[in-house]
Amino acid sequence: MREEYDFSKGKRGAVIPSPGKTRITIMLDDDIIEAFRTKAENAGAGYQTLINAALRDALSTVNDKEKPLTVAALRRVLREELHAA
């Protein structure tokens, strides 16, 4: 190991931006967080990624209210409901 290190050009780890992402603070119920953490552990993904996907899905559902229900969408909903039961 060196006796001296040069940190004059060092940067903090969290400062590096992620393109297309914005860091925010949000208050969520504890049971919601725990459900997403459990789901993320089973899926092998990050819980924040799953929350982002759920929000994106909710937005697309809101935008699709005027569109007719497709067979693929109906099957997806039925699979999700049967799996949850």
PDB file of N, CA and C in Angstrom:
ATOM      1  N   MET A   1       0.828  -1.177   0.000  1.00  0.00           N
ATOM      2  CA  MET A   1       0.000   0.000   0.000  1.00  0.00           C
ATOM      3  C   MET A   1       0.876   1.245   0.000  1.00  0.00           C
ATOM      4  N   ARG A   2       0.438   2.270  -0.694  1.00  0.00           N
ATOM      5  CA  ARG A   2       1.194   3.519  -0.732  1.00  0.00           C
ATOM      6  C   ARG A   2       1.129   4.239   0.609  1.00  0.00           C
ATOM      7  N   GLU A   3       2.097   5.082   0.816  1.00  0.00           N
ATOM      8  CA  GLU A   3       2.068   5.906   2.027  1.00  0.00           C
ATOM      9  C   GLU A   3       1.179   7.117   1.822  1.00  0.00           C
ATOM     10  N   GLU A   4       1.057   7.597   0.559  1.00  0.00           N
ATOM     11  CA  GLU A   4       0.224   8.758   0.268  1.00  0.00           C
ATOM     12  C   GLU A   4      -0.631   8.489  -0.969  1.00  0.00           C
ATOM     13  N   TYR A   5      -1.847   8.999  -0.944  1.00  0.00           N
ATOM     14  CA  TYR A   5      -2.763   8.891  -2.081  1.00  0.00           C
ATOM     15  C   TYR A   5      -3.199  10.287  -2.479  1.00  0.00           C
ATOM     16  N   ASP A   6      -3.399  10.485  -3.791  1.00  0.00           N
ATOM     17  CA  ASP A   6      -3.827  11.781  -4.303  1.00  0.00           C
ATOM     18  C   ASP A   6      -5.333  11.738  -4.586  1.00  0.00           C
ATOM     19  N   PHE A   7      -6.114  12.414  -3.752  1.00  0.00           N
ATOM     20  CA  PHE A   7      -7.560  12.478  -3.932  1.00  0.00           C
ATOM     21  C   PHE A   7      -8.001  13.833  -4.480  1.00  0.00           C
ATOM     22  N   SER A   8      -7.083  14.596  -5.050  1.00  0.00           N
ATOM     23  CA  SER A   8      -7.427  15.935  -5.532  1.00  0.00           C
ATOM     24  C   SER A   8      -8.434  15.908  -6.679  1.00  0.00           C
ATOM     25  N   LYS A   9      -8.484  14.818  -7.437  1.00  0.00           N
ATOM     26  CA  LYS A   9      -9.440  14.714  -8.549  1.00  0.00           C
ATOM     27  C   LYS A   9     -10.553  13.721  -8.233  1.00  0.00           C
ATOM     28  N   GLY A  10     -10.714  13.384  -6.963  1.00  0.00           N
ATOM     29  CA  GLY A  10     -11.735  12.423  -6.551  1.00  0.00           C
ATOM     30  C   GLY A  10     -13.133  13.025  -6.592  1.00  0.00           C
ATOM     31  N   LYS A  11     -14.110  12.160  -6.794  1.00  0.00           N
ATOM     32  CA  LYS A  11     -15.515  12.560  -6.798  1.00  0.00           C
ATOM     33  C   LYS A  11     -16.275  11.651  -5.842  1.00  0.00           C
ATOM     34  N   ARG A  12     -17.334  12.179  -5.267  1.00  0.00           N
ATOM     35  CA  ARG A  12     -18.180  11.364  -4.417  1.00  0.00           C
ATOM     36  C   ARG A  12     -18.961  10.388  -5.297  1.00  0.00           C
ATOM     37  N   GLY A  13     -19.197   9.201  -4.803  1.00  0.00           N
ATOM     38  CA  GLY A  13     -19.865   8.167  -5.585  1.00  0.00           C
ATOM     39  C   GLY A  13     -21.269   8.507  -6.030  1.00  0.00           C
ATOM     40  N   ALA A  14     -22.082   9.117  -5.165  1.00  0.00           N
ATOM     41  CA  ALA A  14     -23.491   9.356  -5.499  1.00  0.00           C
ATOM     42  C   ALA A  14     -23.693  10.559  -6.412  1.00  0.00           C
ATOM     43  N   VAL A  15     -22.643  11.291  -6.729  1.00  0.00           N
ATOM     44  CA  VAL A  15     -22.772  12.501  -7.535  1.00  0.00           C
ATOM     45  C   VAL A  15     -22.878  12.175  -9.022  1.00  0.00           C
ATOM     46  N   ILE A  16     -22.402  11.023  -9.428  1.00  0.00           N
ATOM     47  CA  ILE A  16     -22.419  10.657 -10.842  1.00  0.00           C
ATOM     48  C   ILE A  16     -23.867  10.453 -11.283  1.00  0.00           C
ATOM     49  N   PRO A  17     -24.354  11.248 -12.246  1.00  0.00           N
ATOM     50  CA  PRO A  17     -25.763  11.155 -12.644  1.00  0.00           C
ATOM     51  C   PRO A  17     -26.053   9.911 -13.480  1.00  0.00           C
ATOM     52  N   SER A  18     -27.274   9.427 -13.366  1.00  0.00           N
ATOM     53  CA  SER A  18     -27.753   8.340 -14.211  1.00  0.00           C
ATOM     54  C   SER A  18     -28.603   8.964 -15.306  1.00  0.00           C
ATOM     55  N   PRO A  19     -28.251   8.773 -16.568  1.00  0.00           N
ATOM     56  CA  PRO A  19     -29.031   9.384 -17.648  1.00  0.00           C
ATOM     57  C   PRO A  19     -30.492   8.923 -17.626  1.00  0.00           C
ATOM     58  N   GLY A  20     -31.407   9.879 -17.721  1.00  0.00           N
ATOM     59  CA  GLY A  20     -32.822   9.564 -17.755  1.00  0.00           C
ATOM     60  C   GLY A  20     -33.447   9.301 -16.398  1.00  0.00           C
ATOM     61  N   LYS A  21     -32.679   9.484 -15.333  1.00  0.00           N
ATOM     62  CA  LYS A  21     -33.179   9.227 -13.980  1.00  0.00           C
ATOM     63  C   LYS A  21     -32.995  10.477 -13.128  1.00  0.00           C
ATOM     64  N   THR A  22     -33.906  10.676 -12.179  1.00  0.00           N
ATOM     65  CA  THR A  22     -33.823  11.791 -11.245  1.00  0.00           C
ATOM     66  C   THR A  22     -33.987  11.251  -9.835  1.00  0.00           C
ATOM     67  N   ARG A  23     -33.087  11.644  -8.953  1.00  0.00           N
ATOM     68  CA  ARG A  23     -33.161  11.218  -7.557  1.00  0.00           C
ATOM     69  C   ARG A  23     -34.193  12.083  -6.842  1.00  0.00           C
ATOM     70  N   ILE A  24     -35.141  11.414  -6.158  1.00  0.00           N
ATOM     71  CA  ILE A  24     -36.153  12.123  -5.378  1.00  0.00           C
ATOM     72  C   ILE A  24     -36.302  11.454  -4.023  1.00  0.00           C
ATOM     73  N   THR A  25     -36.985  12.133  -3.124  1.00  0.00           N
ATOM     74  CA  THR A  25     -37.361  11.540  -1.846  1.00  0.00           C
ATOM     75  C   THR A  25     -38.869  11.384  -1.869  1.00  0.00           C
ATOM     76  N   ILE A  26     -39.351  10.208  -1.510  1.00  0.00           N
ATOM     77  CA  ILE A  26     -40.788   9.933  -1.537  1.00  0.00           C
ATOM     78  C   ILE A  26     -41.143   9.140  -0.278  1.00  0.00           C
ATOM     79  N   MET A  27     -42.279   9.451   0.297  1.00  0.00           N
ATOM     80  CA  MET A  27     -42.748   8.740   1.486  1.00  0.00           C
ATOM     81  C   MET A  27     -43.762   7.690   1.043  1.00  0.00           C
ATOM     82  N   LEU A  28     -43.473   6.424   1.337  1.00  0.00           N
ATOM     83  CA  LEU A  28     -44.367   5.317   1.012  1.00  0.00           C
ATOM     84  C   LEU A  28     -44.673   4.559   2.294  1.00  0.00           C
ATOM     85  N   ASP A  29     -45.828   3.917   2.341  1.00  0.00           N
ATOM     86  CA  ASP A  29     -46.196   3.120   3.511  1.00  0.00           C
ATOM     87  C   ASP A  29     -45.227   1.953   3.666  1.00  0.00           C
ATOM     88  N   ASP A  30     -44.985   1.586   4.924  1.00  0.00           N
ATOM     89  CA  ASP A  30     -44.038   0.508   5.218  1.00  0.00           C
ATOM     90  C   ASP A  30     -44.436  -0.808   4.560  1.00  0.00           C
ATOM     91  N   ASP A  31     -45.745  -1.106   4.550  1.00  0.00           N
ATOM     92  CA  ASP A  31     -46.176  -2.374   3.961  1.00  0.00           C
ATOM     93  C   ASP A  31     -45.971  -2.401   2.447  1.00  0.00           C
ATOM     94  N   ILE A  32     -46.059  -1.246   1.800  1.00  0.00           N
ATOM     95  CA  ILE A  32     -45.812  -1.164   0.361  1.00  0.00           C
ATOM     96  C   ILE A  32     -44.337  -1.460   0.073  1.00  0.00           C
ATOM     97  N   ILE A  33     -43.457  -0.814   0.838  1.00  0.00           N
ATOM     98  CA  ILE A  33     -42.018  -1.033   0.662  1.00  0.00           C
ATOM     99  C   ILE A  33     -41.668  -2.503   0.907  1.00  0.00           C
ATOM    100  N   GLU A  34     -42.206  -3.071   1.979  1.00  0.00           N
ATOM    101  CA  GLU A  34     -41.898  -4.459   2.306  1.00  0.00           C
ATOM    102  C   GLU A  34     -42.394  -5.407   1.219  1.00  0.00           C
ATOM    103  N   ALA A  35     -43.578  -5.131   0.663  1.00  0.00           N
ATOM    104  CA  ALA A  35     -44.106  -5.980  -0.410  1.00  0.00           C
ATOM    105  C   ALA A  35     -43.207  -5.914  -1.643  1.00  0.00           C
ATOM    106  N   PHE A  36     -42.746  -4.717  -1.994  1.00  0.00           N
ATOM    107  CA  PHE A  36     -41.867  -4.593  -3.156  1.00  0.00           C
ATOM    108  C   PHE A  36     -40.499  -5.215  -2.884  1.00  0.00           C
ATOM    109  N   ARG A  37     -40.000  -5.107  -1.663  1.00  0.00           N
ATOM    110  CA  ARG A  37     -38.713  -5.736  -1.337  1.00  0.00           C
ATOM    111  C   ARG A  37     -38.814  -7.257  -1.438  1.00  0.00           C
ATOM    112  N   THR A  38     -39.914  -7.806  -0.936  1.00  0.00           N
ATOM    113  CA  THR A  38     -40.116  -9.255  -1.016  1.00  0.00           C
ATOM    114  C   THR A  38     -40.231  -9.699  -2.469  1.00  0.00           C
ATOM    115  N   LYS A  39     -41.029  -8.961  -3.235  1.00  0.00           N
ATOM    116  CA  LYS A  39     -41.206  -9.279  -4.656  1.00  0.00           C
ATOM    117  C   LYS A  39     -39.876  -9.162  -5.402  1.00  0.00           C
ATOM    118  N   ALA A  40     -39.091  -8.151  -5.063  1.00  0.00           N
ATOM    119  CA  ALA A  40     -37.795  -7.947  -5.710  1.00  0.00           C
ATOM    120  C   ALA A  40     -36.821  -9.066  -5.371  1.00  0.00           C
ATOM    121  N   GLU A  41     -36.842  -9.511  -4.126  1.00  0.00           N
ATOM    122  CA  GLU A  41     -35.958 -10.604  -3.715  1.00  0.00           C
ATOM    123  C   GLU A  41     -36.293 -11.884  -4.475  1.00  0.00           C
ATOM    124  N   ASN A  42     -37.582 -12.146  -4.637  1.00  0.00           N
ATOM    125  CA  ASN A  42     -38.011 -13.346  -5.374  1.00  0.00           C
ATOM    126  C   ASN A  42     -37.695 -13.242  -6.865  1.00  0.00           C
ATOM    127  N   ALA A  43     -37.755 -12.021  -7.388  1.00  0.00           N
ATOM    128  CA  ALA A  43     -37.520 -11.818  -8.826  1.00  0.00           C
ATOM    129  C   ALA A  43     -36.042 -11.605  -9.144  1.00  0.00           C
ATOM    130  N   GLY A  44     -35.229 -11.365  -8.128  1.00  0.00           N
ATOM    131  CA  GLY A  44     -33.816 -11.095  -8.363  1.00  0.00           C
ATOM    132  C   GLY A  44     -33.575  -9.727  -8.963  1.00  0.00           C
ATOM    133  N   ALA A  45     -34.413  -8.770  -8.589  1.00  0.00           N
ATOM    134  CA  ALA A  45     -34.296  -7.402  -9.104  1.00  0.00           C
ATOM    135  C   ALA A  45     -34.286  -6.439  -7.927  1.00  0.00           C
ATOM    136  N   GLY A  46     -34.071  -5.171  -8.217  1.00  0.00           N
ATOM    137  CA  GLY A  46     -34.101  -4.158  -7.176  1.00  0.00           C
ATOM    138  C   GLY A  46     -35.531  -3.708  -6.913  1.00  0.00           C
ATOM    139  N   TYR A  47     -35.830  -3.415  -5.644  1.00  0.00           N
ATOM    140  CA  TYR A  47     -37.197  -3.016  -5.324  1.00  0.00           C
ATOM    141  C   TYR A  47     -37.556  -1.671  -5.929  1.00  0.00           C
ATOM    142  N   GLN A  48     -36.587  -0.771  -6.061  1.00  0.00           N
ATOM    143  CA  GLN A  48     -36.872   0.520  -6.691  1.00  0.00           C
ATOM    144  C   GLN A  48     -37.180   0.340  -8.179  1.00  0.00           C
ATOM    145  N   THR A  49     -36.532  -0.612  -8.803  1.00  0.00           N
ATOM    146  CA  THR A  49     -36.810  -0.915 -10.206  1.00  0.00           C
ATOM    147  C   THR A  49     -38.240  -1.421 -10.361  1.00  0.00           C
ATOM    148  N   LEU A  50     -38.681  -2.263  -9.429  1.00  0.00           N
ATOM    149  CA  LEU A  50     -40.047  -2.777  -9.493  1.00  0.00           C
ATOM    150  C   LEU A  50     -41.072  -1.679  -9.225  1.00  0.00           C
ATOM    151  N   ILE A  51     -40.770  -0.770  -8.303  1.00  0.00           N
ATOM    152  CA  ILE A  51     -41.667   0.358  -8.052  1.00  0.00           C
ATOM    153  C   ILE A  51     -41.766   1.220  -9.306  1.00  0.00           C
ATOM    154  N   ASN A  52     -40.644   1.461  -9.955  1.00  0.00           N
ATOM    155  CA  ASN A  52     -40.632   2.251 -11.194  1.00  0.00           C
ATOM    156  C   ASN A  52     -41.484   1.571 -12.270  1.00  0.00           C
ATOM    157  N   ALA A  53     -41.358   0.257 -12.390  1.00  0.00           N
ATOM    158  CA  ALA A  53     -42.139  -0.486 -13.391  1.00  0.00           C
ATOM    159  C   ALA A  53     -43.633  -0.418 -13.072  1.00  0.00           C
ATOM    160  N   ALA A  54     -43.985  -0.509 -11.794  1.00  0.00           N
ATOM    161  CA  ALA A  54     -45.395  -0.431 -11.398  1.00  0.00           C
ATOM    162  C   ALA A  54     -45.965   0.949 -11.697  1.00  0.00           C
ATOM    163  N   LEU A  55     -45.187   1.990 -11.441  1.00  0.00           N
ATOM    164  CA  LEU A  55     -45.642   3.348 -11.750  1.00  0.00           C
ATOM    165  C   LEU A  55     -45.800   3.537 -13.257  1.00  0.00           C
ATOM    166  N   ARG A  56     -44.854   3.016 -14.024  1.00  0.00           N
ATOM    167  CA  ARG A  56     -44.934   3.122 -15.485  1.00  0.00           C
ATOM    168  C   ARG A  56     -46.166   2.378 -16.008  1.00  0.00           C
ATOM    169  N   ASP A  57     -46.419   1.197 -15.438  1.00  0.00           N
ATOM    170  CA  ASP A  57     -47.587   0.418 -15.837  1.00  0.00           C
ATOM    171  C   ASP A  57     -48.880   1.152 -15.484  1.00  0.00           C
ATOM    172  N   ALA A  58     -48.908   1.773 -14.317  1.00  0.00           N
ATOM    173  CA  ALA A  58     -50.097   2.535 -13.908  1.00  0.00           C
ATOM    174  C   ALA A  58     -50.336   3.711 -14.851  1.00  0.00           C
ATOM    175  N   LEU A  59     -49.275   4.378 -15.258  1.00  0.00           N
ATOM    176  CA  LEU A  59     -49.421   5.488 -16.196  1.00  0.00           C
ATOM    177  C   LEU A  59     -49.927   5.014 -17.551  1.00  0.00           C
ATOM    178  N   SER A  60     -49.416   3.905 -18.023  1.00  0.00           N
ATOM    179  CA  SER A  60     -49.865   3.402 -19.322  1.00  0.00           C
ATOM    180  C   SER A  60     -51.314   2.937 -19.236  1.00  0.00           C
ATOM    181  N   THR A  61     -51.725   2.419 -18.083  1.00  0.00           N
ATOM    182  CA  THR A  61     -53.111   2.016 -17.892  1.00  0.00           C
ATOM    183  C   THR A  61     -54.032   3.222 -17.932  1.00  0.00           C
ATOM    184  N   VAL A  62     -53.607   4.314 -17.309  1.00  0.00           N
ATOM    185  CA  VAL A  62     -54.395   5.544 -17.334  1.00  0.00           C
ATOM    186  C   VAL A  62     -54.525   6.052 -18.760  1.00  0.00           C
ATOM    187  N   ASN A  63     -53.443   6.007 -19.513  1.00  0.00           N
ATOM    188  CA  ASN A  63     -53.457   6.474 -20.905  1.00  0.00           C
ATOM    189  C   ASN A  63     -54.248   5.549 -21.823  1.00  0.00           C
ATOM    190  N   ASP A  64     -54.414   4.293 -21.436  1.00  0.00           N
ATOM    191  CA  ASP A  64     -55.098   3.314 -22.281  1.00  0.00           C
ATOM    192  C   ASP A  64     -56.575   3.151 -21.942  1.00  0.00           C
ATOM    193  N   LYS A  65     -57.117   3.987 -21.062  1.00  0.00           N
ATOM    194  CA  LYS A  65     -58.513   3.841 -20.639  1.00  0.00           C
ATOM    195  C   LYS A  65     -59.476   3.904 -21.820  1.00  0.00           C
ATOM    196  N   GLU A  66     -59.172   4.720 -22.817  1.00  0.00           N
ATOM    197  CA  GLU A  66     -60.064   4.848 -23.963  1.00  0.00           C
ATOM    198  C   GLU A  66     -59.880   3.719 -24.968  1.00  0.00           C
ATOM    199  N   LYS A  67     -58.789   2.992 -24.884  1.00  0.00           N
ATOM    200  CA  LYS A  67     -58.520   1.914 -25.833  1.00  0.00           C
ATOM    201  C   LYS A  67     -59.239   0.645 -25.391  1.00  0.00           C
ATOM    202  N   PRO A  68     -59.672  -0.171 -26.330  1.00  0.00           N
ATOM    203  CA  PRO A  68     -60.344  -1.423 -25.959  1.00  0.00           C
ATOM    204  C   PRO A  68     -59.355  -2.400 -25.318  1.00  0.00           C
ATOM    205  N   LEU A  69     -59.873  -3.261 -24.465  1.00  0.00           N
ATOM    206  CA  LEU A  69     -59.068  -4.272 -23.800  1.00  0.00           C
ATOM    207  C   LEU A  69     -58.660  -5.338 -24.815  1.00  0.00           C
ATOM    208  N   THR A  70     -57.368  -5.617 -24.881  1.00  0.00           N
ATOM    209  CA  THR A  70     -56.879  -6.637 -25.811  1.00  0.00           C
ATOM    210  C   THR A  70     -56.835  -7.994 -25.116  1.00  0.00           C
ATOM    211  N   VAL A  71     -56.782  -9.036 -25.903  1.00  0.00           N
ATOM    212  CA  VAL A  71     -56.687 -10.390 -25.366  1.00  0.00           C
ATOM    213  C   VAL A  71     -55.400 -10.536 -24.555  1.00  0.00           C
ATOM    214  N   ALA A  72     -54.307  -9.985 -25.053  1.00  0.00           N
ATOM    215  CA  ALA A  72     -53.022 -10.082 -24.353  1.00  0.00           C
ATOM    216  C   ALA A  72     -53.089  -9.395 -22.987  1.00  0.00           C
ATOM    217  N   ALA A  73     -53.717  -8.222 -22.943  1.00  0.00           N
ATOM    218  CA  ALA A  73     -53.836  -7.505 -21.673  1.00  0.00           C
ATOM    219  C   ALA A  73     -54.729  -8.268 -20.700  1.00  0.00           C
ATOM    220  N   LEU A  74     -55.805  -8.821 -21.191  1.00  0.00           N
ATOM    221  CA  LEU A  74     -56.705  -9.602 -20.345  1.00  0.00           C
ATOM    222  C   LEU A  74     -55.994 -10.819 -19.779  1.00  0.00           C
ATOM    223  N   ARG A  75     -55.232 -11.506 -20.614  1.00  0.00           N
ATOM    224  CA  ARG A  75     -54.477 -12.675 -20.144  1.00  0.00           C
ATOM    225  C   ARG A  75     -53.457 -12.286 -19.075  1.00  0.00           C
ATOM    226  N   ARG A  76     -52.794 -11.153 -19.298  1.00  0.00           N
ATOM    227  CA  ARG A  76     -51.805 -10.682 -18.316  1.00  0.00           C
ATOM    228  C   ARG A  76     -52.463 -10.406 -16.973  1.00  0.00           C
ATOM    229  N   VAL A  77     -53.588  -9.723 -16.999  1.00  0.00           N
ATOM    230  CA  VAL A  77     -54.302  -9.397 -15.758  1.00  0.00           C
ATOM    231  C   VAL A  77     -54.775 -10.675 -15.072  1.00  0.00           C
ATOM    232  N   LEU A  78     -55.319 -11.606 -15.827  1.00  0.00           N
ATOM    233  CA  LEU A  78     -55.786 -12.864 -15.243  1.00  0.00           C
ATOM    234  C   LEU A  78     -54.634 -13.647 -14.618  1.00  0.00           C
ATOM    235  N   ARG A  79     -53.489 -13.703 -15.304  1.00  0.00           N
ATOM    236  CA  ARG A  79     -52.323 -14.404 -14.743  1.00  0.00           C
ATOM    237  C   ARG A  79     -51.880 -13.757 -13.433  1.00  0.00           C
ATOM    238  N   GLU A  80     -51.836 -12.428 -13.413  1.00  0.00           N
ATOM    239  CA  GLU A  80     -51.422 -11.710 -12.197  1.00  0.00           C
ATOM    240  C   GLU A  80     -52.391 -11.982 -11.052  1.00  0.00           C
ATOM    241  N   GLU A  81     -53.687 -11.955 -11.328  1.00  0.00           N
ATOM    242  CA  GLU A  81     -54.689 -12.189 -10.286  1.00  0.00           C
ATOM    243  C   GLU A  81     -54.663 -13.624  -9.801  1.00  0.00           C
ATOM    244  N   LEU A  82     -54.517 -14.591 -10.717  1.00  0.00           N
ATOM    245  CA  LEU A  82     -54.452 -15.984 -10.315  1.00  0.00           C
ATOM    246  C   LEU A  82     -53.191 -16.276  -9.520  1.00  0.00           C
ATOM    247  N   HIS A  83     -52.093 -15.658  -9.904  1.00  0.00           N
ATOM    248  CA  HIS A  83     -50.836 -15.863  -9.178  1.00  0.00           C
ATOM    249  C   HIS A  83     -50.927 -15.272  -7.776  1.00  0.00           C
ATOM    250  N   ALA A  84     -51.599 -14.143  -7.627  1.00  0.00           N
ATOM    251  CA  ALA A  84     -51.744 -13.490  -6.318  1.00  0.00           C
ATOM    252  C   ALA A  84     -52.680 -14.283  -5.411  1.00  0.00           C
ATOM    253  N   ALA A  85     -53.591 -15.043  -5.977  1.00  0.00           N
ATOM    254  CA  ALA A  85     -54.583 -15.774  -5.162  1.00  0.00           C
ATOM    255  C   ALA A  85     -54.051 -17.031  -4.576  1.00  0.00           C
TER     256      ALA A  85
END
